[in-house]
Amino acid sequence: MGARKNYGNDGSTPNEHCPECDDSFLAEHDDRFHCGKCSYTRWK
């Protein structure tokens, strides 16, 4: 998966960046948001 799929034509992103490592996106799960790089988790 290329990084370009994460950005719209105007440079916006549908997902938010991780507040801890700030260079990866948070994956949205049913009950939480999770960063696969640093394991940061925010519960919904």
N, C-alpha and C. Protein backbone atom coordinates (compact mmCIF):
# COMPACT_ATOMS: atom_id res chain seq x y z
N MET A 1 0.84 -1.17 0.00
CA MET A 1 0.00 0.00 0.00
C MET A 1 0.89 1.24 0.00
N GLY A 2 0.72 2.07 -0.97
CA GLY A 2 1.49 3.29 -1.06
C GLY A 2 0.94 4.39 -0.16
N ALA A 3 1.81 5.27 0.27
CA ALA A 3 1.39 6.36 1.15
C ALA A 3 0.47 7.34 0.44
N ARG A 4 0.51 7.40 -0.86
CA ARG A 4 -0.32 8.36 -1.60
C ARG A 4 -1.80 8.05 -1.50
N LYS A 5 -2.17 6.82 -1.19
CA LYS A 5 -3.58 6.47 -1.05
C LYS A 5 -4.20 7.09 0.20
N ASN A 6 -3.35 7.53 1.14
CA ASN A 6 -3.84 8.10 2.39
C ASN A 6 -4.19 9.57 2.28
N TYR A 7 -3.85 10.21 1.16
CA TYR A 7 -4.07 11.64 1.01
C TYR A 7 -5.04 11.92 -0.13
N GLY A 8 -5.90 12.93 0.07
CA GLY A 8 -6.80 13.37 -0.98
C GLY A 8 -6.09 14.30 -1.94
N ASN A 9 -6.78 14.78 -2.95
CA ASN A 9 -6.17 15.68 -3.93
C ASN A 9 -5.74 17.00 -3.31
N ASP A 10 -6.41 17.42 -2.24
CA ASP A 10 -6.06 18.68 -1.59
C ASP A 10 -5.07 18.51 -0.44
N GLY A 11 -4.56 17.31 -0.23
CA GLY A 11 -3.58 17.05 0.81
C GLY A 11 -4.20 16.67 2.14
N SER A 12 -5.52 16.57 2.20
CA SER A 12 -6.18 16.22 3.45
C SER A 12 -6.10 14.71 3.68
N THR A 13 -6.30 14.31 4.93
CA THR A 13 -6.26 12.90 5.28
C THR A 13 -7.57 12.51 5.95
N PRO A 14 -8.10 11.34 5.63
CA PRO A 14 -9.34 10.89 6.28
C PRO A 14 -9.09 10.42 7.72
N ASN A 15 -7.88 9.97 8.01
CA ASN A 15 -7.54 9.50 9.35
C ASN A 15 -6.63 10.53 10.02
N GLU A 16 -6.59 10.50 11.34
CA GLU A 16 -5.74 11.44 12.05
C GLU A 16 -4.37 10.83 12.32
N HIS A 17 -3.38 11.68 12.47
CA HIS A 17 -2.02 11.24 12.78
C HIS A 17 -1.91 10.86 14.24
N CYS A 18 -0.96 10.00 14.52
CA CYS A 18 -0.70 9.57 15.89
C CYS A 18 -0.09 10.75 16.67
N PRO A 19 -0.62 11.06 17.86
CA PRO A 19 -0.05 12.17 18.63
C PRO A 19 1.29 11.84 19.28
N GLU A 20 1.64 10.57 19.37
CA GLU A 20 2.90 10.17 19.99
C GLU A 20 4.06 10.18 19.00
N CYS A 21 3.92 9.50 17.89
CA CYS A 21 5.04 9.41 16.93
C CYS A 21 4.84 10.34 15.73
N ASP A 22 3.64 10.79 15.47
CA ASP A 22 3.30 11.85 14.51
C ASP A 22 3.69 11.58 13.06
N ASP A 23 4.12 10.38 12.71
CA ASP A 23 4.40 10.13 11.30
C ASP A 23 3.62 8.94 10.76
N SER A 24 2.67 8.43 11.53
CA SER A 24 1.81 7.35 11.04
C SER A 24 0.37 7.68 11.39
N PHE A 25 -0.54 6.99 10.77
CA PHE A 25 -1.96 7.24 10.97
C PHE A 25 -2.52 6.29 12.03
N LEU A 26 -3.60 6.72 12.66
CA LEU A 26 -4.30 5.87 13.61
C LEU A 26 -5.30 5.01 12.86
N ALA A 27 -5.26 3.72 13.10
CA ALA A 27 -6.22 2.79 12.50
C ALA A 27 -7.49 2.83 13.34
N GLU A 28 -8.63 2.89 12.67
CA GLU A 28 -9.90 2.95 13.39
C GLU A 28 -10.48 1.55 13.52
N HIS A 29 -10.68 1.12 14.75
CA HIS A 29 -11.32 -0.15 15.06
C HIS A 29 -12.70 0.14 15.66
N ASP A 30 -13.47 -0.89 15.96
CA ASP A 30 -14.82 -0.69 16.49
C ASP A 30 -14.82 0.05 17.82
N ASP A 31 -13.84 -0.23 18.67
CA ASP A 31 -13.84 0.34 20.01
C ASP A 31 -12.64 1.23 20.33
N ARG A 32 -11.73 1.44 19.37
CA ARG A 32 -10.52 2.21 19.65
C ARG A 32 -9.87 2.72 18.37
N PHE A 33 -8.93 3.65 18.54
CA PHE A 33 -8.01 4.08 17.49
C PHE A 33 -6.64 3.58 17.91
N HIS A 34 -5.85 3.03 16.99
CA HIS A 34 -4.59 2.40 17.35
C HIS A 34 -3.50 2.74 16.34
N CYS A 35 -2.30 3.02 16.87
CA CYS A 35 -1.13 3.24 16.03
C CYS A 35 -0.32 1.95 15.98
N GLY A 36 -0.07 1.45 14.80
CA GLY A 36 0.68 0.21 14.64
C GLY A 36 2.17 0.37 14.84
N LYS A 37 2.66 1.60 14.80
CA LYS A 37 4.09 1.83 14.94
C LYS A 37 4.51 1.90 16.41
N CYS A 38 3.80 2.71 17.22
CA CYS A 38 4.22 2.90 18.61
C CYS A 38 3.23 2.30 19.62
N SER A 39 2.16 1.69 19.14
CA SER A 39 1.15 1.02 19.97
C SER A 39 0.29 1.98 20.80
N TYR A 40 0.26 3.26 20.42
CA TYR A 40 -0.61 4.21 21.09
C TYR A 40 -2.06 3.79 20.84
N THR A 41 -2.90 3.81 21.87
CA THR A 41 -4.31 3.44 21.76
C THR A 41 -5.16 4.49 22.43
N ARG A 42 -6.20 4.93 21.73
CA ARG A 42 -7.20 5.83 22.30
C ARG A 42 -8.54 5.16 22.17
N TRP A 43 -9.22 4.96 23.30
CA TRP A 43 -10.52 4.27 23.30
C TRP A 43 -11.62 5.22 22.91
N LYS A 44 -12.59 4.70 22.21
CA LYS A 44 -13.74 5.52 21.79
C LYS A 44 -14.67 5.74 22.94
